[in-house]
Amino acid sequence: MTLNSSGLWAKEVGCPFQTKTLIKMRTEKAQHLCQGVVEEFIRPEWLWIRFFATRSLEKSFCIPPLLPQTLAMLNHQLIHPRINEILGRGGHHSQILIADGNYPASAKKGPNAEVVCLNLSPGCVTVKQVLRAILSAVPIHLVNTMGIPVDDDYSQATEPPVWNEFRQVLKEANMNVELVPISKWDFYKQVQSPDHILTVQTGDQALWANILLTMGCRIS
């Protein structure tokens, strides 16, 4: 966060038990702005200072106060910070797409959606793994898969095996929700709605493995 034109700014540095607010400043300004403890010399003309500012100085420079010494731990299986943040801003009818490795994630998304890329390598991670984590974190009341057009180049005579894997994950999560296919082109339209808040791009190589989740309501 830039505080003024002289090159002074604050930086939040996290650790398991606390967050320290550090100030990087020119040495000639250090004594005029605060009393601190020198952390480290970066270059001769710069210092890292641990900042012990008064409330008025924090307010003057828009510096957030120090966080509590202990931080809450997550109880569910989803620990990805950015995904948790996006889901936390969602609500009833918000939609989450878990995309397979072939899905055009950058093009087929809603105007309010963010894309989080977890496609490290082919097959890693899978849609099923992401589904299991998300189901542990938020209520879901509708689950759609991408239906297969009969004239599609990759159409199959039978239901994709991965759909049964999704049903098993839903069952393990005690979710009384049916897996409902919608046609491929309607699926794209649904994803491009304003309700779409998140796409998680995976490296799943299974065909027709895209799954669209609609958030429900928390009732307990």
Protein backbone atom coordinates (compact mmCIF):
# COMPACT_ATOMS: atom_id res chain seq x y z
CA MET A 1 0.00 0.00 0.00
CA THR A 2 1.64 3.29 -1.07
CA LEU A 3 1.32 5.90 1.65
CA ASN A 4 2.91 8.98 0.15
CA SER A 5 5.09 10.19 -2.69
CA SER A 6 8.33 9.89 -0.73
CA GLY A 7 8.46 6.12 -1.05
CA LEU A 8 7.03 5.10 2.34
CA TRP A 9 4.72 2.13 2.46
CA ALA A 10 3.48 -0.62 4.76
CA LYS A 11 3.79 -4.34 4.19
CA GLU A 12 1.89 -7.09 6.01
CA VAL A 13 4.05 -10.13 6.77
CA GLY A 14 2.14 -13.18 8.00
CA CYS A 15 3.28 -16.01 10.22
CA PRO A 16 1.33 -18.78 12.04
CA PHE A 17 0.82 -16.76 15.22
CA GLN A 18 0.88 -13.09 14.31
CA THR A 19 1.06 -10.53 11.58
CA LYS A 20 3.72 -7.84 11.80
CA THR A 21 3.24 -4.49 10.19
CA LEU A 22 6.52 -3.41 8.62
CA ILE A 23 7.45 -0.04 7.24
CA LYS A 24 10.03 0.46 4.53
CA MET A 25 11.36 3.99 4.65
CA ARG A 26 14.34 6.12 3.87
CA THR A 27 16.73 6.20 6.80
CA GLU A 28 16.57 9.96 7.14
CA LYS A 29 12.81 9.77 7.75
CA ALA A 30 12.88 6.93 10.27
CA GLN A 31 13.46 9.01 13.40
CA HIS A 32 10.88 11.59 12.37
CA LEU A 33 8.00 9.16 11.80
CA CYS A 34 8.12 6.52 14.51
CA GLN A 35 10.16 4.63 17.02
CA GLY A 36 10.85 1.15 15.76
CA VAL A 37 13.15 -1.82 15.82
CA VAL A 38 15.41 -2.27 12.83
CA GLU A 39 14.62 -5.63 11.21
CA GLU A 40 17.02 -5.80 8.32
CA PHE A 41 19.16 -3.65 6.04
CA ILE A 42 18.01 -4.04 2.45
CA ARG A 43 20.29 -1.38 0.96
CA PRO A 44 22.28 1.31 2.75
CA GLU A 45 19.59 3.93 2.12
CA TRP A 46 16.64 1.73 3.14
CA LEU A 47 15.56 0.12 6.40
CA TRP A 48 12.93 -2.37 7.35
CA ILE A 49 11.34 -1.15 10.56
CA ARG A 50 8.90 -3.02 12.76
CA PHE A 51 6.29 -0.39 13.34
CA PHE A 52 4.96 0.43 16.81
CA ALA A 53 2.77 3.35 15.83
CA THR A 54 0.22 5.22 17.84
CA ARG A 55 -3.39 4.99 16.76
CA SER A 56 -3.23 8.51 15.34
CA LEU A 57 -0.21 7.69 13.19
CA GLU A 58 -1.84 4.50 11.97
CA LYS A 59 -4.88 6.53 10.98
CA SER A 60 -2.76 9.19 9.33
CA PHE A 61 -0.97 6.69 7.10
CA CYS A 62 -3.90 4.24 6.66
CA ILE A 63 -1.91 1.45 8.34
CA PRO A 64 -4.06 -1.46 9.55
CA PRO A 65 -3.65 -2.42 13.23
CA LEU A 66 -1.85 -5.61 14.17
CA LEU A 67 -3.93 -8.77 14.03
CA PRO A 68 -4.63 -10.85 17.17
CA GLN A 69 -1.87 -13.17 18.28
CA THR A 70 -3.95 -16.27 17.46
CA LEU A 71 -5.71 -16.86 14.17
CA ALA A 72 -8.77 -19.06 13.57
CA MET A 73 -8.16 -22.42 11.91
CA LEU A 74 -10.41 -23.81 9.18
CA ASN A 75 -12.41 -26.89 10.07
CA HIS A 76 -13.41 -27.90 6.54
CA GLN A 77 -11.32 -29.48 3.80
CA LEU A 78 -10.96 -26.40 1.62
CA ILE A 79 -7.79 -24.51 2.54
CA HIS A 80 -7.10 -22.54 -0.65
CA PRO A 81 -7.08 -18.88 0.50
CA ARG A 82 -8.39 -17.31 -2.70
CA ILE A 83 -11.15 -19.86 -3.24
CA ASN A 84 -12.29 -19.44 0.36
CA GLU A 85 -12.37 -15.68 -0.11
CA ILE A 86 -14.49 -15.87 -3.28
CA LEU A 87 -16.91 -18.39 -1.79
CA GLY A 88 -17.22 -16.23 1.31
CA ARG A 89 -18.54 -13.40 -0.86
CA GLY A 90 -21.07 -15.68 -2.56
CA GLY A 91 -24.64 -16.36 -1.53
CA HIS A 92 -27.80 -18.17 -2.49
CA HIS A 93 -27.86 -18.94 -6.24
CA SER A 94 -24.17 -18.10 -6.70
CA GLN A 95 -22.61 -20.56 -9.12
CA ILE A 96 -19.27 -22.36 -9.02
CA LEU A 97 -17.84 -24.13 -12.05
CA ILE A 98 -15.29 -26.87 -11.54
CA ALA A 99 -13.82 -27.23 -15.02
CA ASP A 100 -11.97 -30.14 -16.53
CA GLY A 101 -8.67 -29.74 -18.35
CA ASN A 102 -10.32 -29.14 -21.72
CA TYR A 103 -12.75 -26.40 -20.70
CA PRO A 104 -12.18 -22.90 -22.21
CA ALA A 105 -12.08 -21.26 -18.78
CA SER A 106 -10.82 -17.85 -19.90
CA ALA A 107 -13.59 -17.41 -22.49
CA LYS A 108 -16.63 -19.18 -21.06
CA LYS A 109 -17.32 -17.46 -17.76
CA GLY A 110 -19.68 -14.95 -16.21
CA PRO A 111 -18.97 -11.20 -15.98
CA ASN A 112 -18.50 -11.43 -12.20
CA ALA A 113 -16.48 -14.63 -12.16
CA GLU A 114 -12.87 -15.18 -11.21
CA VAL A 115 -10.76 -18.06 -12.51
CA VAL A 116 -8.49 -19.95 -10.14
CA CYS A 117 -6.10 -22.25 -12.02
CA LEU A 118 -5.25 -25.53 -10.30
CA ASN A 119 -4.21 -27.32 -13.50
CA LEU A 120 -0.68 -28.16 -12.45
CA SER A 121 -0.24 -31.04 -14.89
CA PRO A 122 -2.46 -33.47 -16.84
CA GLY A 123 -4.64 -35.24 -14.29
CA CYS A 124 -3.61 -33.00 -11.41
CA VAL A 125 -5.77 -31.87 -9.75
CA THR A 126 -9.05 -33.59 -10.61
CA VAL A 127 -12.59 -32.25 -10.62
CA LYS A 128 -13.54 -34.87 -8.04
CA GLN A 129 -10.87 -33.64 -5.62
CA VAL A 130 -12.03 -30.04 -5.93
CA LEU A 131 -15.68 -31.07 -5.61
CA ARG A 132 -14.98 -32.90 -2.36
CA ALA A 133 -13.23 -29.85 -0.88
CA ILE A 134 -15.91 -27.34 -1.92
CA LEU A 135 -18.76 -29.52 -0.63
CA SER A 136 -17.10 -29.44 2.79
CA ALA A 137 -17.17 -25.64 2.82
CA VAL A 138 -20.46 -24.31 1.40
CA PRO A 139 -24.07 -25.48 1.05
CA ILE A 140 -24.98 -26.70 -2.43
CA HIS A 141 -28.55 -27.28 -3.61
CA LEU A 142 -28.12 -27.89 -7.35
CA VAL A 143 -25.48 -29.83 -9.31
CA ASN A 144 -25.32 -29.79 -13.11
CA THR A 145 -23.05 -31.62 -15.50
CA MET A 146 -22.46 -30.76 -19.15
CA GLY A 147 -24.80 -32.87 -21.26
CA ILE A 148 -23.42 -34.56 -24.37
CA PRO A 149 -24.83 -33.58 -27.78
CA VAL A 150 -25.35 -36.61 -30.01
CA ASP A 151 -23.56 -34.85 -32.89
CA ASP A 152 -20.54 -33.85 -30.82
CA ASP A 153 -17.15 -35.09 -31.97
CA TYR A 154 -16.57 -36.54 -28.50
CA SER A 155 -20.04 -37.91 -27.88
CA GLN A 156 -20.34 -41.20 -26.01
CA ALA A 157 -22.91 -43.94 -26.24
CA THR A 158 -23.04 -44.29 -22.46
CA GLU A 159 -22.87 -41.91 -19.53
CA PRO A 160 -19.31 -40.74 -18.71
CA PRO A 161 -17.84 -42.86 -15.88
CA VAL A 162 -16.77 -39.73 -14.02
CA TRP A 163 -20.41 -38.84 -13.35
CA ASN A 164 -20.77 -41.86 -11.08
CA GLU A 165 -17.65 -40.72 -9.26
CA PHE A 166 -19.34 -37.36 -8.68
CA ARG A 167 -22.42 -39.11 -7.30
CA GLN A 168 -20.23 -41.02 -4.88
CA VAL A 169 -18.62 -37.79 -3.67
CA LEU A 170 -22.07 -36.27 -3.15
CA LYS A 171 -23.14 -39.32 -1.18
CA GLU A 172 -20.02 -39.21 1.00
CA ALA A 173 -20.78 -35.55 1.76
CA ASN A 174 -24.34 -36.49 2.79
CA MET A 175 -25.70 -34.30 0.01
CA ASN A 176 -29.23 -35.23 -1.02
CA VAL A 177 -28.77 -33.67 -4.47
CA GLU A 178 -29.27 -35.20 -7.88
CA LEU A 179 -26.73 -34.89 -10.68
CA VAL A 180 -28.65 -33.14 -13.46
CA PRO A 181 -27.15 -32.90 -16.98
CA ILE A 182 -27.97 -29.85 -19.09
CA SER A 183 -27.12 -29.59 -22.77
CA LYS A 184 -23.63 -28.42 -23.67
CA TRP A 185 -24.69 -25.08 -25.16
CA ASP A 186 -27.17 -24.35 -22.36
CA PHE A 187 -24.39 -25.19 -19.92
CA TYR A 188 -22.21 -22.50 -21.50
CA LYS A 189 -25.06 -19.98 -21.27
CA GLN A 190 -25.64 -20.85 -17.64
CA VAL A 191 -21.96 -20.37 -16.80
CA GLN A 192 -21.92 -16.96 -18.49
CA SER A 193 -24.65 -15.59 -16.20
CA PRO A 194 -23.98 -12.84 -13.60
CA ASP A 195 -24.51 -15.45 -10.86
CA HIS A 196 -21.29 -17.23 -11.83
CA ILE A 197 -18.66 -16.19 -9.26
CA LEU A 198 -15.89 -18.76 -9.59
CA THR A 199 -14.27 -21.17 -12.03
CA VAL A 200 -11.75 -23.63 -10.65
CA GLN A 201 -9.72 -24.88 -13.62
CA THR A 202 -8.39 -28.38 -13.01
CA GLY A 203 -6.10 -30.66 -14.98
CA ASP A 204 -8.69 -33.44 -15.12
CA GLN A 205 -8.36 -35.42 -18.35
CA ALA A 206 -11.75 -37.14 -18.09
CA LEU A 207 -14.14 -36.13 -20.86
CA TRP A 208 -17.38 -34.36 -19.89
CA ALA A 209 -16.13 -33.80 -16.34
CA ASN A 210 -17.29 -30.17 -16.01
CA ILE A 211 -19.63 -29.65 -13.09
CA LEU A 212 -21.62 -26.55 -12.14
CA LEU A 213 -22.61 -26.05 -8.51
CA THR A 214 -25.32 -23.68 -7.32
CA MET A 215 -25.02 -22.51 -3.74
CA GLY A 216 -27.90 -22.97 -1.33
CA CYS A 217 -28.60 -21.39 2.05
CA ARG A 218 -26.92 -21.96 5.38
CA ILE A 219 -29.65 -22.91 7.82
CA SER A 220 -27.70 -23.86 10.96
